[in-house]
Every structure is written in C-alpha cells, then in structure tokens.
PDB file of N, CA and C in Angstrom:
ATOM      1  N   MET A   1      44.157 -77.769 -81.159  1.00  0.00           N
ATOM      2  CA  MET A   1      44.130 -78.433 -82.426  1.00  0.00           C
ATOM      3  C   MET A   1      42.801 -79.173 -82.570  1.00  0.00           C
ATOM      4  N   PRO A   2      41.744 -78.420 -82.821  1.00  0.00           N
ATOM      5  CA  PRO A   2      40.407 -79.010 -82.887  1.00  0.00           C
ATOM      6  C   PRO A   2      40.266 -80.103 -83.944  1.00  0.00           C
ATOM      7  N   ASP A   3      40.914 -79.926 -85.090  1.00  0.00           N
ATOM      8  CA  ASP A   3      40.767 -80.930 -86.143  1.00  0.00           C
ATOM      9  C   ASP A   3      41.351 -82.274 -85.720  1.00  0.00           C
ATOM     10  N   SER A   4      42.472 -82.243 -85.014  1.00  0.00           N
ATOM     11  CA  SER A   4      43.066 -83.494 -84.523  1.00  0.00           C
ATOM     12  C   SER A   4      42.183 -84.134 -83.456  1.00  0.00           C
ATOM     13  N   ALA A   5      41.617 -83.324 -82.591  1.00  0.00           N
ATOM     14  CA  ALA A   5      40.721 -83.845 -81.564  1.00  0.00           C
ATOM     15  C   ALA A   5      39.482 -84.462 -82.196  1.00  0.00           C
ATOM     16  N   ILE A   6      38.925 -83.782 -83.202  1.00  0.00           N
ATOM     17  CA  ILE A   6      37.758 -84.324 -83.892  1.00  0.00           C
ATOM     18  C   ILE A   6      38.096 -85.662 -84.529  1.00  0.00           C
ATOM     19  N   ALA A   7      39.226 -85.743 -85.208  1.00  0.00           N
ATOM     20  CA  ALA A   7      39.619 -86.999 -85.866  1.00  0.00           C
ATOM     21  C   ALA A   7      39.750 -88.132 -84.854  1.00  0.00           C
ATOM     22  N   SER A   8      40.390 -87.857 -83.725  1.00  0.00           N
ATOM     23  CA  SER A   8      40.571 -88.898 -82.701  1.00  0.00           C
ATOM     24  C   SER A   8      39.245 -89.316 -82.094  1.00  0.00           C
ATOM     25  N   LEU A   9      38.412 -88.351 -81.748  1.00  0.00           N
ATOM     26  CA  LEU A   9      37.128 -88.677 -81.134  1.00  0.00           C
ATOM     27  C   LEU A   9      36.181 -89.351 -82.125  1.00  0.00           C
ATOM     28  N   GLU A  10      36.199 -88.938 -83.376  1.00  0.00           N
ATOM     29  CA  GLU A  10      35.382 -89.604 -84.399  1.00  0.00           C
ATOM     30  C   GLU A  10      35.789 -91.067 -84.537  1.00  0.00           C
ATOM     31  N   ARG A  11      37.084 -91.309 -84.521  1.00  0.00           N
ATOM     32  CA  ARG A  11      37.592 -92.684 -84.607  1.00  0.00           C
ATOM     33  C   ARG A  11      37.131 -93.489 -83.396  1.00  0.00           C
ATOM     34  N   PHE A  12      37.188 -92.883 -82.216  1.00  0.00           N
ATOM     35  CA  PHE A  12      36.757 -93.568 -80.997  1.00  0.00           C
ATOM     36  C   PHE A  12      35.280 -93.937 -81.051  1.00  0.00           C
ATOM     37  N   VAL A  13      34.402 -92.988 -81.389  1.00  0.00           N
ATOM     38  CA  VAL A  13      32.966 -93.269 -81.367  1.00  0.00           C
ATOM     39  C   VAL A  13      32.549 -94.192 -82.503  1.00  0.00           C
ATOM     40  N   ALA A  14      33.345 -94.252 -83.583  1.00  0.00           N
ATOM     41  CA  ALA A  14      33.028 -95.138 -84.702  1.00  0.00           C
ATOM     42  C   ALA A  14      33.503 -96.571 -84.456  1.00  0.00           C
ATOM     43  N   THR A  15      34.380 -96.753 -83.493  1.00  0.00           N
ATOM     44  CA  THR A  15      34.894 -98.088 -83.181  1.00  0.00           C
ATOM     45  C   THR A  15      33.794 -98.904 -82.519  1.00  0.00           C
ATOM     46  N   PRO A  16      33.562-100.122 -83.017  1.00  0.00           N
ATOM     47  CA  PRO A  16      32.551-100.963 -82.358  1.00  0.00           C
ATOM     48  C   PRO A  16      32.848-101.121 -80.869  1.00  0.00           C
ATOM     49  N   SER A  17      31.807-101.168 -80.070  1.00  0.00           N
ATOM     50  CA  SER A  17      31.967-101.141 -78.613  1.00  0.00           C
ATOM     51  C   SER A  17      32.851-102.266 -78.089  1.00  0.00           C
ATOM     52  N   TRP A  18      32.862-103.404 -78.736  1.00  0.00           N
ATOM     53  CA  TRP A  18      33.666-104.504 -78.222  1.00  0.00           C
ATOM     54  C   TRP A  18      35.163-104.286 -78.431  1.00  0.00           C
ATOM     55  N   PHE A  19      35.559-103.269 -79.244  1.00  0.00           N
ATOM     56  CA  PHE A  19      36.964-102.951 -79.441  1.00  0.00           C
ATOM     57  C   PHE A  19      37.426-101.736 -78.641  1.00  0.00           C
ATOM     58  N   ARG A  20      36.474-100.971 -78.103  1.00  0.00           N
ATOM     59  CA  ARG A  20      36.854 -99.777 -77.344  1.00  0.00           C
ATOM     60  C   ARG A  20      37.406-100.189 -75.986  1.00  0.00           C
ATOM     61  N   PRO A  21      38.332 -99.386 -75.431  1.00  0.00           N
ATOM     62  CA  PRO A  21      38.809 -99.668 -74.071  1.00  0.00           C
ATOM     63  C   PRO A  21      37.641 -99.641 -73.098  1.00  0.00           C
ATOM     64  N   ARG A  22      37.574-100.595 -72.217  1.00  0.00           N
ATOM     65  CA  ARG A  22      36.426-100.698 -71.313  1.00  0.00           C
ATOM     66  C   ARG A  22      36.858-100.788 -69.848  1.00  0.00           C
ATOM     67  N   LEU A  23      37.552 -99.810 -69.376  1.00  0.00           N
ATOM     68  CA  LEU A  23      37.910 -99.821 -67.965  1.00  0.00           C
ATOM     69  C   LEU A  23      36.671 -99.693 -67.098  1.00  0.00           C
ATOM     70  N   GLN A  24      35.801 -98.761 -67.430  1.00  0.00           N
ATOM     71  CA  GLN A  24      34.566 -98.545 -66.689  1.00  0.00           C
ATOM     72  C   GLN A  24      33.345 -98.658 -67.600  1.00  0.00           C
ATOM     73  N   GLY A  25      33.535 -99.056 -68.839  1.00  0.00           N
ATOM     74  CA  GLY A  25      32.426 -99.154 -69.778  1.00  0.00           C
ATOM     75  C   GLY A  25      32.217 -97.858 -70.535  1.00  0.00           C
ATOM     76  N   ASP A  26      31.326 -97.922 -71.509  1.00  0.00           N
ATOM     77  CA  ASP A  26      31.062 -96.761 -72.353  1.00  0.00           C
ATOM     78  C   ASP A  26      30.480 -95.590 -71.582  1.00  0.00           C
ATOM     79  N   GLY A  27      29.823 -95.837 -70.476  1.00  0.00           N
ATOM     80  CA  GLY A  27      29.230 -94.759 -69.702  1.00  0.00           C
ATOM     81  C   GLY A  27      30.244 -93.727 -69.261  1.00  0.00           C
ATOM     82  N   LEU A  28      31.467 -94.158 -69.106  1.00  0.00           N
ATOM     83  CA  LEU A  28      32.519 -93.250 -68.654  1.00  0.00           C
ATOM     84  C   LEU A  28      33.127 -92.452 -69.800  1.00  0.00           C
ATOM     85  N   TYR A  29      33.154 -93.026 -71.002  1.00  0.00           N
ATOM     86  CA  TYR A  29      33.877 -92.410 -72.107  1.00  0.00           C
ATOM     87  C   TYR A  29      33.010 -91.941 -73.265  1.00  0.00           C
ATOM     88  N   LEU A  30      31.960 -92.686 -73.585  1.00  0.00           N
ATOM     89  CA  LEU A  30      31.211 -92.392 -74.795  1.00  0.00           C
ATOM     90  C   LEU A  30      30.455 -91.064 -74.708  1.00  0.00           C
ATOM     91  N   ALA A  31      29.726 -90.846 -73.635  1.00  0.00           N
ATOM     92  CA  ALA A  31      28.968 -89.595 -73.502  1.00  0.00           C
ATOM     93  C   ALA A  31      29.883 -88.366 -73.514  1.00  0.00           C
ATOM     94  N   PRO A  32      30.985 -88.361 -72.759  1.00  0.00           N
ATOM     95  CA  PRO A  32      31.873 -87.195 -72.842  1.00  0.00           C
ATOM     96  C   PRO A  32      32.466 -86.992 -74.243  1.00  0.00           C
ATOM     97  N   ALA A  33      32.697 -88.083 -74.965  1.00  0.00           N
ATOM     98  CA  ALA A  33      33.204 -87.959 -76.336  1.00  0.00           C
ATOM     99  C   ALA A  33      32.148 -87.301 -77.220  1.00  0.00           C
ATOM    100  N   TYR A  34      30.881 -87.710 -77.069  1.00  0.00           N
ATOM    101  CA  TYR A  34      29.803 -87.080 -77.834  1.00  0.00           C
ATOM    102  C   TYR A  34      29.704 -85.597 -77.507  1.00  0.00           C
ATOM    103  N   LYS A  35      29.775 -85.275 -76.224  1.00  0.00           N
ATOM    104  CA  LYS A  35      29.657 -83.875 -75.797  1.00  0.00           C
ATOM    105  C   LYS A  35      30.807 -83.047 -76.376  1.00  0.00           C
ATOM    106  N   ARG A  36      32.010 -83.571 -76.281  1.00  0.00           N
ATOM    107  CA  ARG A  36      33.169 -82.830 -76.774  1.00  0.00           C
ATOM    108  C   ARG A  36      33.116 -82.662 -78.287  1.00  0.00           C
ATOM    109  N   LEU A  37      32.679 -83.697 -78.999  1.00  0.00           N
ATOM    110  CA  LEU A  37      32.522 -83.553 -80.445  1.00  0.00           C
ATOM    111  C   LEU A  37      31.502 -82.471 -80.764  1.00  0.00           C
ATOM    112  N   GLY A  38      30.414 -82.425 -80.019  1.00  0.00           N
ATOM    113  CA  GLY A  38      29.431 -81.365 -80.218  1.00  0.00           C
ATOM    114  C   GLY A  38      30.047 -79.993 -80.022  1.00  0.00           C
ATOM    115  N   GLU A  39      30.833 -79.853 -78.963  1.00  0.00           N
ATOM    116  CA  GLU A  39      31.485 -78.566 -78.683  1.00  0.00           C
ATOM    117  C   GLU A  39      32.455 -78.189 -79.791  1.00  0.00           C
ATOM    118  N   LEU A  40      33.251 -79.160 -80.236  1.00  0.00           N
ATOM    119  CA  LEU A  40      34.238 -78.881 -81.278  1.00  0.00           C
ATOM    120  C   LEU A  40      33.571 -78.497 -82.594  1.00  0.00           C
ATOM    121  N   TYR A  41      32.538 -79.236 -82.974  1.00  0.00           N
ATOM    122  CA  TYR A  41      31.831 -78.897 -84.211  1.00  0.00           C
ATOM    123  C   TYR A  41      31.104 -77.560 -84.085  1.00  0.00           C
ATOM    124  N   GLU A  42      30.552 -77.287 -82.913  1.00  0.00           N
ATOM    125  CA  GLU A  42      29.902 -75.986 -82.704  1.00  0.00           C
ATOM    126  C   GLU A  42      30.918 -74.860 -82.863  1.00  0.00           C
ATOM    127  N   GLY A  43      32.104 -75.060 -82.315  1.00  0.00           N
ATOM    128  CA  GLY A  43      33.163 -74.064 -82.428  1.00  0.00           C
ATOM    129  C   GLY A  43      33.600 -73.824 -83.862  1.00  0.00           C
ATOM    130  N   LYS A  44      33.477 -74.849 -84.689  1.00  0.00           N
ATOM    131  CA  LYS A  44      33.838 -74.713 -86.105  1.00  0.00           C
ATOM    132  C   LYS A  44      32.682 -74.181 -86.944  1.00  0.00           C
ATOM    133  N   GLY A  45      31.506 -74.016 -86.327  1.00  0.00           N
ATOM    134  CA  GLY A  45      30.351 -73.516 -87.065  1.00  0.00           C
ATOM    135  C   GLY A  45      29.582 -74.592 -87.809  1.00  0.00           C
ATOM    136  N   ASP A  46      29.888 -75.852 -87.542  1.00  0.00           N
ATOM    137  CA  ASP A  46      29.203 -76.978 -88.179  1.00  0.00           C
ATOM    138  C   ASP A  46      28.014 -77.374 -87.301  1.00  0.00           C
ATOM    139  N   ARG A  47      26.899 -76.680 -87.503  1.00  0.00           N
ATOM    140  CA  ARG A  47      25.724 -76.861 -86.646  1.00  0.00           C
ATOM    141  C   ARG A  47      25.130 -78.255 -86.771  1.00  0.00           C
ATOM    142  N   ALA A  48      25.142 -78.829 -87.965  1.00  0.00           N
ATOM    143  CA  ALA A  48      24.527 -80.148 -88.172  1.00  0.00           C
ATOM    144  C   ALA A  48      25.251 -81.223 -87.369  1.00  0.00           C
ATOM    145  N   ASN A  49      26.574 -81.258 -87.465  1.00  0.00           N
ATOM    146  CA  ASN A  49      27.333 -82.258 -86.700  1.00  0.00           C
ATOM    147  C   ASN A  49      27.269 -81.972 -85.208  1.00  0.00           C
ATOM    148  N   ALA A  50      27.319 -80.705 -84.836  1.00  0.00           N
ATOM    149  CA  ALA A  50      27.225 -80.355 -83.416  1.00  0.00           C
ATOM    150  C   ALA A  50      25.893 -80.837 -82.851  1.00  0.00           C
ATOM    151  N   ALA A  51      24.812 -80.566 -83.544  1.00  0.00           N
ATOM    152  CA  ALA A  51      23.491 -80.988 -83.074  1.00  0.00           C
ATOM    153  C   ALA A  51      23.390 -82.506 -83.007  1.00  0.00           C
ATOM    154  N   SER A  52      23.976 -83.186 -83.973  1.00  0.00           N
ATOM    155  CA  SER A  52      23.938 -84.645 -83.984  1.00  0.00           C
ATOM    156  C   SER A  52      24.622 -85.220 -82.744  1.00  0.00           C
ATOM    157  N   TYR A  53      25.809 -84.730 -82.442  1.00  0.00           N
ATOM    158  CA  TYR A  53      26.530 -85.263 -81.286  1.00  0.00           C
ATOM    159  C   TYR A  53      25.927 -84.819 -79.968  1.00  0.00           C
ATOM    160  N   TYR A  54      25.424 -83.603 -79.897  1.00  0.00           N
ATOM    161  CA  TYR A  54      24.726 -83.176 -78.690  1.00  0.00           C
ATOM    162  C   TYR A  54      23.486 -84.053 -78.469  1.00  0.00           C
ATOM    163  N   GLY A  55      22.781 -84.367 -79.534  1.00  0.00           N
ATOM    164  CA  GLY A  55      21.612 -85.229 -79.415  1.00  0.00           C
ATOM    165  C   GLY A  55      21.965 -86.618 -78.913  1.00  0.00           C
ATOM    166  N   LYS A  56      23.072 -87.170 -79.404  1.00  0.00           N
ATOM    167  CA  LYS A  56      23.523 -88.487 -78.932  1.00  0.00           C
ATOM    168  C   LYS A  56      23.875 -88.433 -77.446  1.00  0.00           C
ATOM    169  N   PHE A  57      24.519 -87.341 -77.043  1.00  0.00           N
ATOM    170  CA  PHE A  57      24.855 -87.185 -75.628  1.00  0.00           C
ATOM    171  C   PHE A  57      23.589 -87.157 -74.774  1.00  0.00           C
ATOM    172  N   VAL A  58      22.630 -86.343 -75.158  1.00  0.00           N
ATOM    173  CA  VAL A  58      21.388 -86.215 -74.393  1.00  0.00           C
ATOM    174  C   VAL A  58      20.651 -87.553 -74.347  1.00  0.00           C
ATOM    175  N   ASP A  59      20.593 -88.262 -75.461  1.00  0.00           N
ATOM    176  CA  ASP A  59      19.940 -89.574 -75.479  1.00  0.00           C
ATOM    177  C   ASP A  59      20.603 -90.540 -74.498  1.00  0.00           C
ATOM    178  N   LEU A  60      21.925 -90.503 -74.457  1.00  0.00           N
ATOM    179  CA  LEU A  60      22.665 -91.434 -73.600  1.00  0.00           C
ATOM    180  C   LEU A  60      22.532 -91.076 -72.123  1.00  0.00           C
ATOM    181  N   TRP A  61      22.527 -89.791 -71.802  1.00  0.00           N
ATOM    182  CA  TRP A  61      22.509 -89.362 -70.401  1.00  0.00           C
ATOM    183  C   TRP A  61      21.152 -88.836 -69.948  1.00  0.00           C
ATOM    184  N   ASN A  62      20.127 -89.041 -70.720  1.00  0.00           N
ATOM    185  CA  ASN A  62      18.806 -88.527 -70.376  1.00  0.00           C
ATOM    186  C   ASN A  62      18.358 -88.971 -68.989  1.00  0.00           C
ATOM    187  N   GLY A  63      18.630 -90.201 -68.623  1.00  0.00           N
ATOM    188  CA  GLY A  63      18.237 -90.715 -67.313  1.00  0.00           C
ATOM    189  C   GLY A  63      19.387 -90.764 -66.327  1.00  0.00           C
ATOM    190  N   ALA A  64      20.375 -89.917 -66.514  1.00  0.00           N
ATOM    191  CA  ALA A  64      21.554 -89.915 -65.641  1.00  0.00           C
ATOM    192  C   ALA A  64      21.197 -89.494 -64.220  1.00  0.00           C
ATOM    193  N   ASP A  65      22.104 -89.735 -63.319  1.00  0.00           N
ATOM    194  CA  ASP A  65      21.915 -89.361 -61.916  1.00  0.00           C
ATOM    195  C   ASP A  65      21.637 -87.859 -61.794  1.00  0.00           C
ATOM    196  N   PRO A  66      20.925 -87.473 -60.736  1.00  0.00           N
ATOM    197  CA  PRO A  66      20.578 -86.052 -60.551  1.00  0.00           C
ATOM    198  C   PRO A  66      21.779 -85.110 -60.560  1.00  0.00           C
ATOM    199  N   ASP A  67      22.915 -85.547 -60.045  1.00  0.00           N
ATOM    200  CA  ASP A  67      24.070 -84.651 -60.016  1.00  0.00           C
ATOM    201  C   ASP A  67      24.651 -84.410 -61.410  1.00  0.00           C
ATOM    202  N   LEU A  68      24.281 -85.224 -62.400  1.00  0.00           N
ATOM    203  CA  LEU A  68      24.737 -85.032 -63.776  1.00  0.00           C
ATOM    204  C   LEU A  68      23.724 -84.269 -64.630  1.00  0.00           C
ATOM    205  N   GLN A  69      22.526 -84.078 -64.119  1.00  0.00           N
ATOM    206  CA  GLN A  69      21.473 -83.428 -64.886  1.00  0.00           C
ATOM    207  C   GLN A  69      21.777 -81.978 -65.280  1.00  0.00           C
ATOM    208  N   PRO A  70      22.525 -81.199 -64.496  1.00  0.00           N
ATOM    209  CA  PRO A  70      22.868 -79.850 -64.973  1.00  0.00           C
ATOM    210  C   PRO A  70      23.650 -79.883 -66.290  1.00  0.00           C
ATOM    211  N   THR A  71      24.515 -80.861 -66.460  1.00  0.00           N
ATOM    212  CA  THR A  71      25.254 -80.995 -67.713  1.00  0.00           C
ATOM    213  C   THR A  71      24.302 -81.346 -68.846  1.00  0.00           C
ATOM    214  N   VAL A  72      23.368 -82.244 -68.577  1.00  0.00           N
ATOM    215  CA  VAL A  72      22.384 -82.629 -69.595  1.00  0.00           C
ATOM    216  C   VAL A  72      21.539 -81.422 -69.986  1.00  0.00           C
ATOM    217  N   ARG A  73      21.107 -80.637 -69.008  1.00  0.00           N
ATOM    218  CA  ARG A  73      20.310 -79.439 -69.304  1.00  0.00           C
ATOM    219  C   ARG A  73      21.102 -78.442 -70.150  1.00  0.00           C
ATOM    220  N   ASP A  74      22.385 -78.272 -69.832  1.00  0.00           N
ATOM    221  CA  ASP A  74      23.232 -77.357 -70.592  1.00  0.00           C
ATOM    222  C   ASP A  74      23.340 -77.807 -72.049  1.00  0.00           C
ATOM    223  N   VAL A  75      23.583 -79.084 -72.252  1.00  0.00           N
ATOM    224  CA  VAL A  75      23.717 -79.594 -73.620  1.00  0.00           C
ATOM    225  C   VAL A  75      22.374 -79.521 -74.342  1.00  0.00           C
ATOM    226  N   ARG A  76      21.301 -79.809 -73.637  1.00  0.00           N
ATOM    227  CA  ARG A  76      19.966 -79.702 -74.242  1.00  0.00           C
ATOM    228  C   ARG A  76      19.705 -78.255 -74.700  1.00  0.00           C
ATOM    229  N   ALA A  77      20.111 -77.284 -73.897  1.00  0.00           N
ATOM    230  CA  ALA A  77      19.945 -75.874 -74.265  1.00  0.00           C
ATOM    231  C   ALA A  77      20.792 -75.522 -75.492  1.00  0.00           C
ATOM    232  N   ARG A  78      22.001 -76.056 -75.563  1.00  0.00           N
ATOM    233  CA  ARG A  78      22.851 -75.824 -76.745  1.00  0.00           C
ATOM    234  C   ARG A  78      22.182 -76.414 -77.991  1.00  0.00           C
ATOM    235  N   LEU A  79      21.605 -77.591 -77.820  1.00  0.00           N
ATOM    236  CA  LEU A  79      20.943 -78.263 -78.931  1.00  0.00           C
ATOM    237  C   LEU A  79      19.753 -77.440 -79.426  1.00  0.00           C
ATOM    238  N   VAL A  80      18.967 -76.921 -78.509  1.00  0.00           N
ATOM    239  CA  VAL A  80      17.831 -76.076 -78.888  1.00  0.00           C
ATOM    240  C   VAL A  80      18.315 -74.824 -79.610  1.00  0.00           C
ATOM    241  N   ARG A  81      19.353 -74.213 -79.081  1.00  0.00           N
ATOM    242  CA  ARG A  81      19.904 -73.001 -79.705  1.00  0.00           C
ATOM    243  C   ARG A  81      20.381 -73.289 -81.127  1.00  0.00           C
ATOM    244  N   LEU A  82      21.029 -74.428 -81.327  1.00  0.00           N
ATOM    245  CA  LEU A  82      21.531 -74.774 -82.654  1.00  0.00           C
ATOM    246  C   LEU A  82      20.409 -75.061 -83.647  1.00  0.00           C
ATOM    247  N   THR A  83      19.374 -75.694 -83.185  1.00  0.00           N
ATOM    248  CA  THR A  83      18.287 -76.066 -84.096  1.00  0.00           C
ATOM    249  C   THR A  83      17.324 -74.912 -84.358  1.00  0.00           C
ATOM    250  N   ASN A  84      17.360 -73.872 -83.518  1.00  0.00           N
ATOM    251  CA  ASN A  84      16.471 -72.730 -83.714  1.00  0.00           C
ATOM    252  C   ASN A  84      17.110 -71.598 -84.506  1.00  0.00           C
ATOM    253  N   GLN A  85      18.354 -71.738 -84.888  1.00  0.00           N
ATOM    254  CA  GLN A  85      19.035 -70.668 -85.633  1.00  0.00           C
ATOM    255  C   GLN A  85      18.730 -70.751 -87.100  1.00  0.00           C
TER     256      GLN A  85
END
C-alpha cells in the first residue's frame, strides 16, 4: 500500500523535530524515511518527488560512516538516473 506508506512518512518528515519520537535521534529515522519516500515516489513514476527525497537523504548521510557509504552511493546513482532522464 504505497499511498498509505507515503502519507505516513510524509507526516513523519513534516513533523517538527521536537515532536518526532527520539529514541536514538533523527539519525536513526529521518534518513531512512527520506530514502523510502524516494523509493516509493520513484515506483509511482513521480521523478520530482523521488529526486527531492533522495537528495535530502544524500545531504543527511553524505558524511556517514564508511560502512554506510554503499547505501549513499546507491541513492546518489538513483538520483543521477532520475535527473538525467
């Protein structure tokens, strides 16, 4: 149910940070939410929203630990593919 997932994740990322659940901070939840929104919008063919959320993910995790960099590279490649079409 991609539309329901998009609605829930959009609500989460739009919530001011001081109201979001903070068990481990935004680093644990915000970047994966951006990535998943990018995937969901890409799956729906909405390149503009997909690129926007992929870009937010890359900005947030650009300096992530080396073991997370393969994920960043993958999303960066998706972003390039979306913007070059």
